[in-house]
């Protein structure tokens, strides 16, 4: 058990500075990119809107649960089904916070491959949706004055300062509001799942010998399909999937398998899928699932081919702390995140006591 706790502490320290940096950057994006502006960018029903949906969604700090209310709101403001689907796929698959974490745990190749593949996956799935709708003769958009839905919180549309109202706040107040969102709503969304990912990663690192699953690479295409099928019904956010992907590579799986897991897992979740079927219909839901499956398998196999062609051999060893960041700095970032969690939990408890 001593080795397990040692690995758990080291992985936490390795992740903490990059996670904090990602959260701060996510807050700035939240503050300066409004939902109304995104809605205007997603207008139209062709491939242009589909491409914009994937490009806009990729850096946004939203997971597979929290992206649903925002996407449905955008849909009711005039975004087409294909553009909405493209946005729904690329947004939870990656984000500025998970990209920062990917750099610390998986290295530069996966840091570049992850957002690029998320965008490609979103465009491909949106394209399939567009083809399905055109074959069925369905319109791509709905009236701009259609009613919007409310939000249950934690989804990026938390009531507060509206960043698209000119003169409503100063630049500092707007930025502070976004960072507050990242440290409260976003962090509360991902923290429990990130904790699970850390425990799983530490357990794999401790009790599964390095490279023990190398035998899976002999039938890589079949293993890739199994990884995607297994990850689709399991909820895991993009941030929490990162240390788990590192554990997969450590245990002997290929970088492409880990990438396929990071694409399919965060983009599919049974609860949002039920909402997606109700809001957009069974035909769009089927296109959504088929697009994610094909793109995750295909992009995973392509990543493995590129890695082999480049002679890149992953040396992922989660639990071995990098030396170039001072330990005191990493520990300070970890303690700061722990303090934020404690503050948020205490405020939630006080709110419940006041209601009672």
Protein backbone atom coordinates (compact mmCIF):
# COMPACT_ATOMS: atom_id res chain seq x y z
CA UNK A 1 0.00 0.00 0.00
CA UNK A 2 2.95 2.32 0.57
CA UNK A 3 3.77 2.18 -3.14
CA UNK A 4 0.14 2.89 -4.03
CA UNK A 5 -0.01 6.03 -1.87
CA UNK A 6 3.40 7.14 -3.11
CA UNK A 7 2.23 6.88 -6.73
CA UNK A 8 -1.06 8.61 -5.89
CA UNK A 9 0.73 11.54 -4.28
CA UNK A 10 3.25 11.85 -7.10
CA UNK A 11 0.58 11.76 -9.82
CA UNK A 12 -1.42 14.40 -7.95
CA UNK A 13 1.63 16.64 -7.61
CA UNK A 14 2.50 16.14 -11.28
CA UNK A 15 -1.00 17.11 -12.39
CA UNK A 16 -1.81 19.93 -9.98
CA UNK A 17 0.09 22.86 -11.60
CA UNK A 18 -1.19 22.05 -15.10
CA UNK A 19 -4.71 21.48 -13.85
CA UNK A 20 -4.71 24.82 -12.07
CA UNK A 21 -3.35 26.52 -15.18
CA UNK A 22 -6.04 24.86 -17.29
CA UNK A 23 -8.80 25.94 -14.92
CA UNK A 24 -7.59 29.56 -14.93
CA UNK A 25 -7.45 29.60 -18.73
CA UNK A 26 -10.89 28.00 -18.93
CA UNK A 27 -12.22 30.76 -16.72
CA UNK A 28 -10.84 33.44 -19.02
CA UNK A 29 -12.45 31.73 -22.04
CA UNK A 30 -15.75 31.54 -20.17
CA UNK A 31 -15.56 35.23 -19.33
CA UNK A 32 -14.85 36.48 -22.84
CA UNK A 33 -16.72 34.04 -25.11
CA UNK A 34 -20.47 34.45 -24.59
CA UNK A 35 -23.19 31.95 -25.44
CA UNK A 36 -24.92 34.52 -27.65
CA UNK A 37 -21.76 34.96 -29.72
CA UNK A 38 -21.36 31.19 -30.10
CA UNK A 39 -24.98 30.96 -31.23
CA UNK A 40 -24.33 33.48 -34.00
CA UNK A 41 -21.29 31.51 -35.17
CA UNK A 42 -23.28 28.28 -35.37
CA UNK A 43 -25.98 29.62 -37.68
CA UNK A 44 -26.54 27.89 -41.01
CA UNK A 45 -27.02 24.27 -42.00
CA UNK A 46 -24.00 23.41 -44.17
CA UNK A 47 -20.48 22.16 -43.55
CA UNK A 48 -19.33 25.64 -42.58
CA UNK A 49 -21.54 25.60 -39.48
CA UNK A 50 -20.47 22.02 -38.72
CA UNK A 51 -16.80 22.98 -38.89
CA UNK A 52 -17.35 26.07 -36.74
CA UNK A 53 -19.21 23.96 -34.19
CA UNK A 54 -16.22 21.65 -33.76
CA UNK A 55 -13.66 24.47 -33.68
CA UNK A 56 -15.64 26.52 -31.16
CA UNK A 57 -16.42 23.56 -28.91
CA UNK A 58 -12.91 22.12 -28.63
CA UNK A 59 -11.38 24.66 -26.18
CA UNK A 60 -14.52 25.21 -24.09
CA UNK A 61 -14.39 23.92 -20.49
CA UNK A 62 -17.52 21.72 -20.54
CA UNK A 63 -17.95 17.99 -19.86
CA UNK A 64 -20.46 15.60 -21.44
CA UNK A 65 -23.16 16.42 -18.87
CA UNK A 66 -22.70 20.17 -18.70
CA UNK A 67 -22.46 20.64 -22.48
CA UNK A 68 -26.03 19.36 -23.02
CA UNK A 69 -27.93 22.38 -21.59
CA UNK A 70 -25.72 24.83 -23.46
CA UNK A 71 -26.02 22.88 -26.73
CA UNK A 72 -29.81 22.66 -26.43
CA UNK A 73 -29.97 26.39 -25.74
CA UNK A 74 -27.87 27.05 -28.85
CA UNK A 75 -30.15 24.73 -30.83
CA UNK A 76 -33.18 26.78 -29.82
CA UNK A 77 -31.40 29.96 -30.80
CA UNK A 78 -31.03 28.75 -34.39
CA UNK A 79 -28.05 26.37 -34.56
CA UNK A 80 -28.66 23.49 -36.98
CA UNK A 81 -28.77 19.85 -35.87
CA UNK A 82 -25.44 19.00 -37.60
CA UNK A 83 -23.71 22.03 -36.06
CA UNK A 84 -25.18 21.18 -32.65
CA UNK A 85 -23.97 17.58 -32.94
CA UNK A 86 -20.50 18.72 -34.01
CA UNK A 87 -20.40 21.02 -30.98
CA UNK A 88 -21.67 18.22 -28.72
CA UNK A 89 -18.91 15.85 -29.85
CA UNK A 90 -15.82 18.06 -29.83
CA UNK A 91 -16.61 20.00 -26.64
CA UNK A 92 -16.48 17.17 -24.04
CA UNK A 93 -13.68 15.29 -25.84
CA UNK A 94 -11.16 17.99 -25.06
CA UNK A 95 -10.79 21.42 -23.47
CA UNK A 96 -8.12 23.83 -22.37
CA UNK A 97 -7.97 22.21 -18.92
CA UNK A 98 -7.59 18.65 -20.24
CA UNK A 99 -5.06 19.78 -22.86
CA UNK A 100 -2.84 21.22 -20.13
CA UNK A 101 -3.15 17.96 -18.22
CA UNK A 102 -2.33 15.93 -21.35
CA UNK A 103 0.95 17.82 -21.67
CA UNK A 104 2.01 16.86 -18.15
CA UNK A 105 1.05 13.17 -18.35
CA UNK A 106 1.18 12.10 -22.00
CA UNK A 107 3.71 14.38 -23.68
CA UNK A 108 3.68 16.70 -26.70
CA UNK A 109 2.51 14.21 -29.36
CA UNK A 110 -0.71 13.37 -27.53
CA UNK A 111 -1.16 17.02 -26.55
CA UNK A 112 -1.37 17.92 -30.24
CA UNK A 113 -3.22 14.79 -31.34
CA UNK A 114 -6.00 15.07 -28.77
CA UNK A 115 -7.57 18.44 -29.75
CA UNK A 116 -6.95 17.85 -33.46
CA UNK A 117 -8.70 14.46 -33.33
CA UNK A 118 -11.53 15.92 -31.24
CA UNK A 119 -12.15 18.54 -33.93
CA UNK A 120 -11.97 15.94 -36.70
CA UNK A 121 -14.34 13.68 -34.74
CA UNK A 122 -16.82 16.53 -34.31
CA UNK A 123 -16.72 17.50 -37.99
CA UNK A 124 -17.08 13.88 -39.12
CA UNK A 125 -20.04 13.22 -36.82
CA UNK A 126 -21.67 16.49 -37.86
CA UNK A 127 -21.18 15.52 -41.51
CA UNK A 128 -22.91 12.17 -40.95
CA UNK A 129 -25.79 13.98 -39.26
CA UNK A 130 -26.01 16.39 -42.19
CA UNK A 131 -26.15 13.51 -44.68
CA UNK A 132 -28.81 11.69 -42.64
CA UNK A 133 -30.98 14.80 -42.43
CA UNK A 134 -30.65 15.58 -46.11
CA UNK A 135 -31.58 12.01 -47.04
CA UNK A 136 -34.65 12.31 -44.82
CA UNK A 137 -35.54 15.75 -46.20
CA UNK A 138 -35.49 17.38 -42.76
CA UNK A 139 -34.75 21.11 -42.29
CA UNK A 140 -31.48 22.05 -40.69
CA UNK A 141 -32.58 24.92 -38.49
CA UNK A 142 -35.49 26.09 -36.38
CA UNK A 143 -36.90 29.59 -35.85
CA UNK A 144 -34.64 31.96 -34.00
CA UNK A 145 -37.43 32.95 -31.61
CA UNK A 146 -38.01 29.40 -30.35
CA UNK A 147 -38.17 29.15 -26.56
CA UNK A 148 -35.01 28.38 -24.64
CA UNK A 149 -34.62 25.98 -21.75
CA UNK A 150 -33.28 26.64 -18.30
CA UNK A 151 -30.17 25.13 -16.81
CA UNK A 152 -29.67 23.11 -13.68
CA UNK A 153 -26.25 24.63 -13.00
CA UNK A 154 -22.67 23.54 -13.54
CA UNK A 155 -22.99 23.76 -17.29
CA UNK A 156 -21.35 27.03 -18.18
CA UNK A 157 -24.53 29.12 -18.14
CA UNK A 158 -24.55 29.83 -14.45
CA UNK A 159 -26.53 33.01 -13.67
CA UNK A 160 -24.21 35.90 -13.12
CA UNK A 161 -22.35 38.50 -15.11
CA UNK A 162 -23.25 38.51 -18.79
CA UNK A 163 -20.08 39.01 -20.75
CA UNK A 164 -21.85 40.12 -23.91
CA UNK A 165 -23.37 43.26 -22.37
CA UNK A 166 -21.12 46.14 -23.25
CA UNK A 167 -20.34 48.45 -20.36
CA UNK A 168 -21.97 46.14 -17.79
CA UNK A 169 -18.67 45.32 -16.06
CA UNK A 170 -15.00 46.16 -16.14
CA UNK A 171 -12.53 43.84 -17.81
CA UNK A 172 -11.26 42.71 -14.40
CA UNK A 173 -14.76 41.98 -13.10
CA UNK A 174 -15.58 39.99 -16.19
CA UNK A 175 -12.37 37.95 -15.95
CA UNK A 176 -12.87 37.41 -12.24
CA UNK A 177 -16.41 36.16 -12.88
CA UNK A 178 -15.09 33.61 -15.39
CA UNK A 179 -12.34 32.39 -13.06
CA UNK A 180 -14.87 32.10 -10.25
CA UNK A 181 -16.99 29.92 -12.54
CA UNK A 182 -13.96 27.70 -13.27
CA UNK A 183 -13.06 27.33 -9.60
CA UNK A 184 -16.62 26.61 -8.52
CA UNK A 185 -18.89 25.07 -11.17
CA UNK A 186 -16.24 23.56 -13.43
CA UNK A 187 -14.05 22.26 -10.60
CA UNK A 188 -17.04 20.79 -8.78
CA UNK A 189 -18.05 19.05 -12.04
CA UNK A 190 -14.73 17.35 -12.66
CA UNK A 191 -13.22 16.89 -9.17
CA UNK A 192 -15.07 13.66 -8.16
CA UNK A 193 -14.35 11.97 -11.49
CA UNK A 194 -10.77 13.19 -11.46
CA UNK A 195 -10.32 11.61 -8.02
CA UNK A 196 -11.57 8.29 -9.42
CA UNK A 197 -9.16 8.60 -12.34
CA UNK A 198 -6.24 9.28 -10.00
CA UNK A 199 -7.03 6.24 -7.83
CA UNK A 200 -7.37 3.97 -10.89
CA UNK A 201 -4.11 5.27 -12.33
CA UNK A 202 -2.22 4.79 -9.07
CA UNK A 203 -3.64 1.25 -8.74
CA UNK A 204 -2.64 0.29 -12.28
CA UNK A 205 0.83 1.76 -11.81
CA UNK A 206 1.29 -0.13 -8.53
CA UNK A 207 -0.17 -3.56 -9.24
CA UNK A 208 -0.03 -4.08 -13.02
CA UNK A 209 3.54 -4.62 -14.27
CA UNK A 210 4.82 -2.17 -16.88
CA UNK A 211 3.86 -3.35 -20.39
CA UNK A 212 1.77 -6.25 -19.07
CA UNK A 213 -0.94 -5.71 -21.73
CA UNK A 214 1.40 -5.63 -24.73
CA UNK A 215 -0.34 -8.73 -26.08
CA UNK A 216 -3.35 -6.58 -27.01
CA UNK A 217 -1.31 -4.83 -29.68
CA UNK A 218 -1.09 -8.03 -31.77
CA UNK A 219 -4.72 -7.55 -32.82
CA UNK A 220 -4.74 -3.78 -32.52
CA UNK A 221 -7.82 -3.18 -34.67
CA UNK A 222 -9.92 -5.60 -32.61
CA UNK A 223 -8.58 -4.23 -29.33
CA UNK A 224 -9.30 -0.70 -30.57
CA UNK A 225 -12.93 -1.60 -31.25
CA UNK A 226 -13.28 -3.25 -27.84
CA UNK A 227 -11.77 -0.22 -26.08
CA UNK A 228 -14.22 2.13 -27.82
CA UNK A 229 -17.23 -0.12 -27.18
CA UNK A 230 -16.28 -0.48 -23.52
CA UNK A 231 -15.74 3.24 -23.02
CA UNK A 232 -18.93 4.50 -24.70
CA UNK A 233 -21.42 3.65 -21.91
CA UNK A 234 -19.03 4.66 -19.10
CA UNK A 235 -19.08 8.24 -17.89
CA UNK A 236 -15.69 9.90 -17.66
CA UNK A 237 -14.91 13.55 -18.29
CA UNK A 238 -12.01 14.64 -20.49
CA UNK A 239 -9.88 15.71 -17.54
CA UNK A 240 -10.42 12.49 -15.57
CA UNK A 241 -9.79 10.35 -18.67
CA UNK A 242 -6.26 11.75 -19.01
CA UNK A 243 -4.58 9.94 -16.08
CA UNK A 244 -6.55 6.80 -16.99
CA UNK A 245 -5.18 7.01 -20.54
CA UNK A 246 -1.67 7.33 -19.08
CA UNK A 247 -2.31 4.17 -17.07
CA UNK A 248 -3.47 2.37 -20.24
CA UNK A 249 -0.25 3.25 -22.06
CA UNK A 250 1.81 2.31 -19.00
CA UNK A 251 0.15 -1.13 -18.90
CA UNK A 252 1.04 -1.82 -22.54
CA UNK A 253 -1.79 -0.47 -24.67
CA UNK A 254 -0.95 1.66 -27.69
CA UNK A 255 -1.21 5.48 -27.79
CA UNK A 256 -4.02 5.09 -30.32
CA UNK A 257 -6.05 2.95 -27.91
CA UNK A 258 -5.60 5.54 -25.20
CA UNK A 259 -6.63 8.29 -27.61
CA UNK A 260 -9.71 6.32 -28.71
CA UNK A 261 -10.69 5.99 -25.05
CA UNK A 262 -10.25 9.75 -24.51
CA UNK A 263 -12.48 10.47 -27.52
CA UNK A 264 -15.31 7.98 -26.98
CA UNK A 265 -15.57 8.02 -23.18
CA UNK A 266 -16.18 11.75 -22.57
CA UNK A 267 -18.46 12.17 -25.62
CA UNK A 268 -20.92 9.42 -24.65
CA UNK A 269 -22.92 9.19 -21.46
CA UNK A 270 -26.25 7.45 -21.03
CA UNK A 271 -28.03 10.36 -19.35
CA UNK A 272 -27.15 13.00 -21.98
CA UNK A 273 -27.87 10.47 -24.73
CA UNK A 274 -31.44 10.18 -23.48
CA UNK A 275 -31.78 13.97 -23.61
CA UNK A 276 -30.23 14.04 -27.07
CA UNK A 277 -32.77 11.52 -28.36
CA UNK A 278 -35.67 13.51 -26.91
CA UNK A 279 -34.45 16.85 -28.26
CA UNK A 280 -33.04 15.91 -31.67
CA UNK A 281 -34.68 12.56 -32.45
CA UNK A 282 -33.62 8.93 -32.81
CA UNK A 283 -32.15 9.42 -36.30
CA UNK A 284 -29.76 12.13 -35.10
CA UNK A 285 -28.84 10.07 -32.03
CA UNK A 286 -27.92 7.11 -34.24
CA UNK A 287 -25.77 9.36 -36.46
CA UNK A 288 -24.14 10.75 -33.30
CA UNK A 289 -23.17 7.31 -31.97
CA UNK A 290 -22.03 5.97 -35.35
CA UNK A 291 -19.91 9.07 -35.97
CA UNK A 292 -18.19 8.85 -32.58
CA UNK A 293 -17.52 5.12 -32.93
CA UNK A 294 -16.07 5.32 -36.45
CA UNK A 295 -13.99 8.42 -35.74
CA UNK A 296 -12.61 7.09 -32.43
CA UNK A 297 -11.56 3.77 -33.98
CA UNK A 298 -10.22 5.34 -37.17
CA UNK A 299 -8.32 8.16 -35.47
CA UNK A 300 -6.91 5.76 -32.89
CA UNK A 301 -5.53 3.47 -35.59
CA UNK A 302 -4.17 6.47 -37.52
CA UNK A 303 -2.42 7.72 -34.37
CA UNK A 304 -0.75 4.33 -33.93
CA UNK A 305 0.41 4.36 -37.55
CA UNK A 306 1.87 7.86 -37.17
CA UNK A 307 3.54 6.92 -33.87
CA UNK A 308 5.15 3.88 -35.51
CA UNK A 309 6.21 5.91 -38.54
CA UNK A 310 7.79 8.55 -36.30
CA UNK A 311 9.45 5.89 -34.16
CA UNK A 312 7.73 7.29 -31.07
CA UNK A 313 7.82 4.84 -28.18
CA UNK A 314 5.74 6.12 -25.25
CA UNK A 315 7.56 6.29 -21.95
CA UNK A 316 4.56 7.13 -19.82
CA UNK A 317 5.24 6.33 -16.17
CA UNK A 318 2.59 7.97 -14.02
CA UNK A 319 3.72 8.16 -10.44
CA UNK A 320 7.27 9.31 -11.21
CA UNK A 321 7.33 13.03 -10.47
CA UNK A 322 9.05 15.29 -13.00
CA UNK A 323 11.99 17.18 -11.56
CA UNK A 324 11.78 20.37 -13.61
CA UNK A 325 8.88 21.76 -11.55
CA UNK A 326 9.85 22.41 -7.92
CA UNK A 327 8.11 20.07 -5.51
CA UNK A 328 7.09 22.97 -3.28
CA UNK A 329 5.31 24.62 -6.23
CA UNK A 330 3.45 21.44 -7.19
CA UNK A 331 2.49 20.87 -3.55
CA UNK A 332 1.26 24.45 -3.27
CA UNK A 333 -0.97 24.02 -6.33
CA UNK A 334 -2.34 20.74 -4.95
CA UNK A 335 -3.09 22.35 -1.58
CA UNK A 336 -4.78 25.27 -3.32
CA UNK A 337 -7.08 22.91 -5.23
CA UNK A 338 -7.82 21.02 -2.03
CA UNK A 339 -8.66 24.30 -0.31
CA UNK A 340 -10.99 25.27 -3.16
CA UNK A 341 -12.78 21.92 -2.83
CA UNK A 342 -13.16 22.39 0.92
CA UNK A 343 -14.50 25.94 0.47
CA UNK A 344 -17.00 24.87 -2.18
CA UNK A 345 -18.18 21.95 -0.08
CA UNK A 346 -18.62 24.15 2.99
CA UNK A 347 -20.59 26.75 1.03
CA UNK A 348 -22.89 24.06 -0.37
CA UNK A 349 -23.49 22.73 3.15
CA UNK A 350 -24.27 26.22 4.47
CA UNK A 351 -26.73 26.78 1.64
CA UNK A 352 -28.52 23.54 2.50
CA UNK A 353 -28.66 24.44 6.18
CA UNK A 354 -30.12 27.85 5.35
CA UNK A 355 -32.82 26.24 3.21
CA UNK A 356 -33.67 23.82 6.00
